[in-house]
C-alpha atoms as a PDB file:
ATOM      1  CA  MET A   1     -91.943 -15.107  51.984  1.00  0.00           C
ATOM      2  CA  ARG A   2     -89.556 -14.684  49.083  1.00  0.00           C
ATOM      3  CA  CYS A   3     -86.176 -13.182  49.866  1.00  0.00           C
ATOM      4  CA  ALA A   4     -84.608 -10.652  47.485  1.00  0.00           C
ATOM      5  CA  ASP A   5     -81.692 -11.718  45.279  1.00  0.00           C
ATOM      6  CA  LYS A   6     -78.257 -10.873  46.821  1.00  0.00           C
ATOM      7  CA  ARG A   7     -77.397  -8.858  43.769  1.00  0.00           C
ATOM      8  CA  THR A   8     -80.560  -6.805  44.004  1.00  0.00           C
ATOM      9  CA  VAL A   9     -79.742  -6.000  47.686  1.00  0.00           C
ATOM     10  CA  SER A  10     -76.206  -5.203  46.834  1.00  0.00           C
ATOM     11  CA  SER A  11     -77.364  -2.955  43.936  1.00  0.00           C
ATOM     12  CA  TRP A  12     -79.723  -0.981  46.041  1.00  0.00           C
ATOM     13  CA  ARG A  13     -77.156  -0.671  48.804  1.00  0.00           C
ATOM     14  CA  ARG A  14     -74.848   1.050  46.343  1.00  0.00           C
ATOM     15  CA  VAL A  15     -77.653   3.370  45.298  1.00  0.00           C
ATOM     16  CA  MET A  16     -78.322   4.367  48.887  1.00  0.00           C
ATOM     17  CA  GLU A  17     -74.597   5.005  49.413  1.00  0.00           C
ATOM     18  CA  VAL A  18     -74.469   7.369  46.398  1.00  0.00           C
ATOM     19  CA  MET A  19     -77.510   9.178  47.688  1.00  0.00           C
ATOM     20  CA  ASP A  20     -76.074   9.510  51.181  1.00  0.00           C
ATOM     21  CA  GLY A  21     -72.639  10.547  49.770  1.00  0.00           C
ATOM     22  CA  SER A  22     -74.413  13.311  47.707  1.00  0.00           C
ATOM     23  CA  SER A  23     -77.041  14.303  50.281  1.00  0.00           C
ATOM     24  CA  GLY A  24     -76.077  18.026  50.205  1.00  0.00           C
ATOM     25  CA  LEU A  25     -76.618  18.017  46.338  1.00  0.00           C
ATOM     26  CA  LEU A  26     -79.765  15.991  46.452  1.00  0.00           C
ATOM     27  CA  LYS A  27     -81.815  18.683  48.156  1.00  0.00           C
ATOM     28  CA  GLU A  28     -81.792  20.671  44.947  1.00  0.00           C
ATOM     29  CA  THR A  29     -82.133  17.875  42.505  1.00  0.00           C
ATOM     30  CA  GLN A  30     -85.267  17.112  40.490  1.00  0.00           C
ATOM     31  CA  HIS A  31     -83.848  14.978  37.705  1.00  0.00           C
ATOM     32  CA  ILE A  32     -81.698  12.230  39.169  1.00  0.00           C
ATOM     33  CA  GLN A  33     -83.401   8.942  39.967  1.00  0.00           C
ATOM     34  CA  PRO A  34     -82.269   5.743  41.841  1.00  0.00           C
ATOM     35  CA  THR A  35     -81.397   4.131  38.428  1.00  0.00           C
ATOM     36  CA  HIS A  36     -78.970   7.069  37.745  1.00  0.00           C
ATOM     37  CA  ALA A  37     -77.380   6.464  41.138  1.00  0.00           C
ATOM     38  CA  ARG A  38     -77.031   2.743  40.514  1.00  0.00           C
ATOM     39  CA  GLU A  39     -75.060   3.509  37.289  1.00  0.00           C
ATOM     40  CA  ILE A  40     -72.895   5.985  39.088  1.00  0.00           C
ATOM     41  CA  ALA A  41     -72.074   3.391  41.853  1.00  0.00           C
ATOM     42  CA  ARG A  42     -71.319   0.670  39.301  1.00  0.00           C
ATOM     43  CA  HIS A  43     -69.036   2.721  37.088  1.00  0.00           C
ATOM     44  CA  SER A  44     -67.182   5.301  39.163  1.00  0.00           C
ATOM     45  CA  THR A  45     -65.272   5.632  42.333  1.00  0.00           C
ATOM     46  CA  ARG A  46     -66.807   6.817  45.529  1.00  0.00           C
ATOM     47  CA  GLU A  47     -64.867  10.113  45.576  1.00  0.00           C
ATOM     48  CA  THR A  48     -66.337  11.021  42.086  1.00  0.00           C
ATOM     49  CA  TRP A  49     -70.073  10.337  43.015  1.00  0.00           C
ATOM     50  CA  PRO A  50     -70.972  13.909  43.987  1.00  0.00           C
ATOM     51  CA  ALA A  51     -69.469  15.216  40.761  1.00  0.00           C
ATOM     52  CA  TRP A  52     -71.485  12.720  38.696  1.00  0.00           C
ATOM     53  CA  VAL A  53     -74.665  13.473  40.550  1.00  0.00           C
ATOM     54  CA  GLU A  54     -74.079  17.215  39.921  1.00  0.00           C
ATOM     55  CA  ARG A  55     -73.284  16.584  36.227  1.00  0.00           C
ATOM     56  CA  CYS A  56     -76.427  14.265  35.843  1.00  0.00           C
ATOM     57  CA  GLU A  57     -78.664  16.949  37.302  1.00  0.00           C
ATOM     58  CA  ALA A  58     -77.137  19.841  35.404  1.00  0.00           C
ATOM     59  CA  GLU A  59     -77.248  18.142  32.035  1.00  0.00           C
ATOM     60  CA  GLN A  60     -80.353  16.290  32.770  1.00  0.00           C
ATOM     61  CA  LEU A  61     -78.812  13.002  31.450  1.00  0.00           C
ATOM     62  CA  THR A  62     -80.911  10.067  30.683  1.00  0.00           C
ATOM     63  CA  VAL A  63     -79.710   6.754  32.330  1.00  0.00           C
ATOM     64  CA  ALA A  64     -78.342   5.661  28.901  1.00  0.00           C
ATOM     65  CA  GLU A  65     -76.480   8.919  28.393  1.00  0.00           C
ATOM     66  CA  LEU A  66     -75.078   8.793  31.912  1.00  0.00           C
ATOM     67  CA  ARG A  67     -73.922   5.224  31.408  1.00  0.00           C
ATOM     68  CA  GLY A  68     -72.219   6.254  28.099  1.00  0.00           C
ATOM     69  CA  ALA A  69     -70.366   9.197  29.854  1.00  0.00           C
ATOM     70  CA  LEU A  70     -69.340   6.890  32.693  1.00  0.00           C
ATOM     71  CA  LEU A  71     -67.937   4.192  30.367  1.00  0.00           C
ATOM     72  CA  SER A  72     -66.273   6.862  28.229  1.00  0.00           C
ATOM     73  CA  LYS A  73     -64.541   8.172  31.263  1.00  0.00           C
ATOM     74  CA  GLN A  74     -63.473   4.692  32.255  1.00  0.00           C
ATOM     75  CA  THR A  75     -62.100   4.128  28.785  1.00  0.00           C
ATOM     76  CA  GLU A  76     -60.065   7.381  28.995  1.00  0.00           C
ATOM     77  CA  GLN A  77     -58.634   6.293  32.352  1.00  0.00           C
ATOM     78  CA  ALA A  78     -57.811   2.776  31.198  1.00  0.00           C
ATOM     79  CA  ALA A  79     -55.968   4.242  28.107  1.00  0.00           C
ATOM     80  CA  ALA A  80     -54.026   6.657  30.375  1.00  0.00           C
ATOM     81  CA  GLU A  81     -53.062   3.913  32.784  1.00  0.00           C
ATOM     82  CA  ALA A  82     -52.041   1.659  29.920  1.00  0.00           C
ATOM     83  CA  GLN A  83     -49.895   4.473  28.556  1.00  0.00           C
ATOM     84  CA  ALA A  84     -48.375   5.306  31.878  1.00  0.00           C
ATOM     85  CA  THR A  85     -47.409   1.684  32.743  1.00  0.00           C
ATOM     86  CA  ALA A  86     -46.260   0.692  29.208  1.00  0.00           C
ATOM     87  CA  PRO A  87     -42.768  -0.990  28.974  1.00  0.00           C
ATOM     88  CA  GLU A  88     -39.929   0.723  27.207  1.00  0.00           C
ATOM     89  CA  GLY A  89     -37.631  -0.515  24.510  1.00  0.00           C
ATOM     90  CA  LYS A  90     -37.967  -2.081  21.060  1.00  0.00           C
ATOM     91  CA  TYR A  91     -39.146  -5.608  20.434  1.00  0.00           C
ATOM     92  CA  ARG A  92     -39.217  -8.257  17.535  1.00  0.00           C
ATOM     93  CA  THR A  93     -42.422  -9.771  18.870  1.00  0.00           C
ATOM     94  CA  ILE A  94     -45.334  -7.868  20.379  1.00  0.00           C
ATOM     95  CA  VAL A  95     -48.262  -9.588  21.950  1.00  0.00           C
ATOM     96  CA  VAL A  96     -51.431  -7.408  22.608  1.00  0.00           C
ATOM     97  CA  ASP A  97     -54.610  -8.348  24.226  1.00  0.00           C
ATOM     98  CA  PRO A  98     -56.924  -5.304  24.274  1.00  0.00           C
ATOM     99  CA  PRO A  99     -59.676  -4.935  26.868  1.00  0.00           C
ATOM    100  CA  TRP A 100     -62.444  -5.309  24.194  1.00  0.00           C
ATOM    101  CA  SER A 101     -65.836  -3.795  25.089  1.00  0.00           C
ATOM    102  CA  TYR A 102     -68.729  -6.133  25.001  1.00  0.00           C
ATOM    103  CA  GLY A 103     -72.419  -5.127  25.073  1.00  0.00           C
ATOM    104  CA  ASN A 104     -73.772  -7.746  27.407  1.00  0.00           C
ATOM    105  CA  LYS A 105     -73.739  -7.436  31.236  1.00  0.00           C
ATOM    106  CA  SER A 106     -72.096 -10.707  32.089  1.00  0.00           C
ATOM    107  CA  GLY A 107     -68.826 -12.450  31.423  1.00  0.00           C
ATOM    108  CA  ARG A 108     -66.339  -9.991  29.995  1.00  0.00           C
ATOM    109  CA  HIS A 109     -68.701  -7.108  30.669  1.00  0.00           C
ATOM    110  CA  SER A 110     -68.711  -7.796  34.489  1.00  0.00           C
ATOM    111  CA  PRO A 111     -67.758  -4.806  36.780  1.00  0.00           C
ATOM    112  CA  ASP A 112     -64.273  -6.179  37.337  1.00  0.00           C
ATOM    113  CA  TYR A 113     -63.659  -5.976  33.568  1.00  0.00           C
ATOM    114  CA  ALA A 114     -65.693  -2.975  32.715  1.00  0.00           C
ATOM    115  CA  HIS A 115     -63.352  -0.328  34.254  1.00  0.00           C
ATOM    116  CA  ARG A 116     -60.577  -1.473  31.722  1.00  0.00           C
ATOM    117  CA  MET A 117     -62.654  -1.582  28.463  1.00  0.00           C
ATOM    118  CA  MET A 118     -61.649   0.323  25.336  1.00  0.00           C
ATOM    119  CA  ASP A 119     -63.708   0.989  22.254  1.00  0.00           C
ATOM    120  CA  LEU A 120     -62.475   0.266  18.851  1.00  0.00           C
ATOM    121  CA  ASP A 121     -61.265   3.785  18.189  1.00  0.00           C
ATOM    122  CA  THR A 122     -59.300   3.979  21.339  1.00  0.00           C
ATOM    123  CA  VAL A 123     -57.611   0.549  20.578  1.00  0.00           C
ATOM    124  CA  ALA A 124     -56.814   1.691  17.073  1.00  0.00           C
ATOM    125  CA  VAL A 125     -55.027   4.875  18.045  1.00  0.00           C
ATOM    126  CA  PHE A 126     -52.839   3.077  20.781  1.00  0.00           C
ATOM    127  CA  ASP A 127     -49.221   3.928  20.042  1.00  0.00           C
ATOM    128  CA  LEU A 128     -47.726   0.578  19.288  1.00  0.00           C
ATOM    129  CA  GLN A 129     -45.049   1.927  16.979  1.00  0.00           C
ATOM    130  CA  ARG A 130     -43.037   3.061  19.974  1.00  0.00           C
ATOM    131  CA  TRP A 131     -42.003  -0.638  20.507  1.00  0.00           C
ATOM    132  CA  VAL A 132     -41.310  -1.511  16.775  1.00  0.00           C
ATOM    133  CA  PRO A 133     -37.587  -1.537  15.847  1.00  0.00           C
ATOM    134  CA  ASP A 134     -36.443   0.764  13.047  1.00  0.00           C
ATOM    135  CA  ASP A 135     -34.009  -1.672  11.630  1.00  0.00           C
ATOM    136  CA  GLY A 136     -36.072  -4.782  10.747  1.00  0.00           C
ATOM    137  CA  PRO A 137     -39.213  -6.839  11.015  1.00  0.00           C
ATOM    138  CA  CYS A 138     -41.512  -7.031  13.879  1.00  0.00           C
ATOM    139  CA  HIS A 139     -44.197  -9.586  14.523  1.00  0.00           C
ATOM    140  CA  LEU A 140     -47.550  -8.743  16.154  1.00  0.00           C
ATOM    141  CA  TYR A 141     -49.840 -11.247  17.798  1.00  0.00           C
ATOM    142  CA  LEU A 142     -53.241  -9.631  18.610  1.00  0.00           C
ATOM    143  CA  TRP A 143     -55.557 -11.538  20.838  1.00  0.00           C
ATOM    144  CA  VAL A 144     -59.168 -11.250  19.549  1.00  0.00           C
ATOM    145  CA  THR A 145     -62.504 -13.008  20.208  1.00  0.00           C
ATOM    146  CA  ASP A 146     -65.088 -13.956  17.471  1.00  0.00           C
ATOM    147  CA  ALA A 147     -67.025 -10.709  18.294  1.00  0.00           C
ATOM    148  CA  TYR A 148     -64.183  -8.630  17.026  1.00  0.00           C
ATOM    149  CA  ALA A 149     -62.810 -10.843  14.241  1.00  0.00           C
ATOM    150  CA  GLY A 150     -64.170  -8.527  11.549  1.00  0.00           C
ATOM    151  CA  ASP A 151     -62.640  -5.401  13.135  1.00  0.00           C
ATOM    152  CA  VAL A 152     -58.967  -6.392  13.670  1.00  0.00           C
ATOM    153  CA  TYR A 153     -57.457  -6.055  10.193  1.00  0.00           C
ATOM    154  CA  PRO A 154     -58.058  -2.072  10.171  1.00  0.00           C
ATOM    155  CA  ILE A 155     -56.615  -2.060  13.657  1.00  0.00           C
ATOM    156  CA  VAL A 156     -53.579  -4.029  12.680  1.00  0.00           C
ATOM    157  CA  ARG A 157     -53.037  -1.751   9.737  1.00  0.00           C
ATOM    158  CA  ALA A 158     -53.608   1.248  11.875  1.00  0.00           C
ATOM    159  CA  TRP A 159     -50.655   0.066  14.050  1.00  0.00           C
ATOM    160  CA  GLY A 160     -48.411  -0.161  10.982  1.00  0.00           C
ATOM    161  CA  PHE A 161     -48.681  -3.849  10.484  1.00  0.00           C
ATOM    162  CA  GLU A 162     -49.881  -5.988   7.606  1.00  0.00           C
ATOM    163  CA  PRO A 163     -52.253  -8.927   8.523  1.00  0.00           C
ATOM    164  CA  LYS A 164     -50.883 -12.388   7.506  1.00  0.00           C
ATOM    165  CA  THR A 165     -52.768 -15.242   9.100  1.00  0.00           C
ATOM    166  CA  TRP A 166     -54.936 -16.524  11.954  1.00  0.00           C
ATOM    167  CA  LEU A 167     -54.065 -18.898  14.795  1.00  0.00           C
ATOM    168  CA  ILE A 168     -56.716 -20.613  16.932  1.00  0.00           C
ATOM    169  CA  TRP A 169     -56.455 -21.366  20.637  1.00  0.00           C
ATOM    170  CA  VAL A 170     -57.657 -24.892  20.798  1.00  0.00           C
ATOM    171  CA  LYS A 171     -59.696 -25.267  24.124  1.00  0.00           C
ATOM    172  CA  ASP A 172     -60.392 -28.574  25.663  1.00  0.00           C
ATOM    173  CA  ARG A 173     -63.859 -27.513  26.826  1.00  0.00           C
ATOM    174  CA  ILE A 174     -66.765 -25.472  25.607  1.00  0.00           C
ATOM    175  CA  GLY A 175     -66.684 -21.677  26.405  1.00  0.00           C
ATOM    176  CA  MET A 176     -69.640 -19.622  27.607  1.00  0.00           C
ATOM    177  CA  GLY A 177     -69.646 -17.376  24.515  1.00  0.00           C
ATOM    178  CA  ASN A 178     -71.976 -14.489  23.735  1.00  0.00           C
ATOM    179  CA  TYR A 179     -74.110 -16.081  21.084  1.00  0.00           C
ATOM    180  CA  PHE A 180     -72.786 -19.642  20.644  1.00  0.00           C
ATOM    181  CA  ARG A 181     -70.718 -21.755  22.932  1.00  0.00           C
ATOM    182  CA  HIS A 182     -67.577 -21.969  20.695  1.00  0.00           C
ATOM    183  CA  GLN A 183     -65.093 -24.712  21.001  1.00  0.00           C
ATOM    184  CA  HIS A 184     -62.447 -24.908  18.350  1.00  0.00           C
ATOM    185  CA  GLY A 185     -61.092 -28.468  17.945  1.00  0.00           C
ATOM    186  CA  PRO A 186     -57.669 -29.672  16.623  1.00  0.00           C
ATOM    187  CA  ALA A 187     -59.043 -29.886  13.050  1.00  0.00           C
ATOM    188  CA  SER A 188     -59.673 -26.241  12.924  1.00  0.00           C
ATOM    189  CA  SER A 189     -56.490 -25.141  14.657  1.00  0.00           C
ATOM    190  CA  ARG A 190     -54.579 -25.128  11.396  1.00  0.00           C
ATOM    191  CA  SER A 191     -56.784 -22.451   9.831  1.00  0.00           C
ATOM    192  CA  ARG A 192     -57.510 -19.486  12.137  1.00  0.00           C
ATOM    193  CA  GLY A 193     -56.058 -16.829  14.712  1.00  0.00           C
ATOM    194  CA  ALA A 194     -54.515 -13.377  14.251  1.00  0.00           C
ATOM    195  CA  PHE A 195     -50.928 -12.612  13.232  1.00  0.00           C
ATOM    196  CA  GLY A 196     -49.403  -9.504  11.559  1.00  0.00           C
ATOM    197  CA  SER A 197     -45.967  -8.438  10.378  1.00  0.00           C
ATOM    198  CA  SER A 198     -44.346  -5.083   9.978  1.00  0.00           C
ATOM    199  CA  ALA A 199     -42.215  -6.179   7.166  1.00  0.00           C
END
């Protein structure tokens, strides 16, 4: 007899928890399926489950539409949390590591990371100028992975900086990657990475 994968068991346990937690609503539902409940369990907090079940039923959301709405809500919450906990003051050097959103379901797209993800538009409108001094230059170091290398210059400019050069983090081992298992060696470290200046 073949045992079920632990992740499958855990996933279905969460589905049952959503169903149990929304039992009063489910008597009237005709649209919501276990796959909807699984997305609700993965991407929202327990106290919001009944509201998501109700919305899913009322709007007859597909699983993809529901996932999009859940992730959009997470992005809004992450942005609000970031704004609320942001430091005060003016700085000559600013280092930013945005919670980039990835399309795969492993690595950076794991549930631990997913609740903090921001899409490009949300990252671009982040109010970075609050920390930039009025009386002189400020340097920006923007952490970016290969997947977003083509998108960072417009973001740097939207934040009021001018892109200047790249720096590369030289790693001593091959990474997992999303398409290729990149490893930048010492020879390439002189040619890449992201750096911007406000003056």
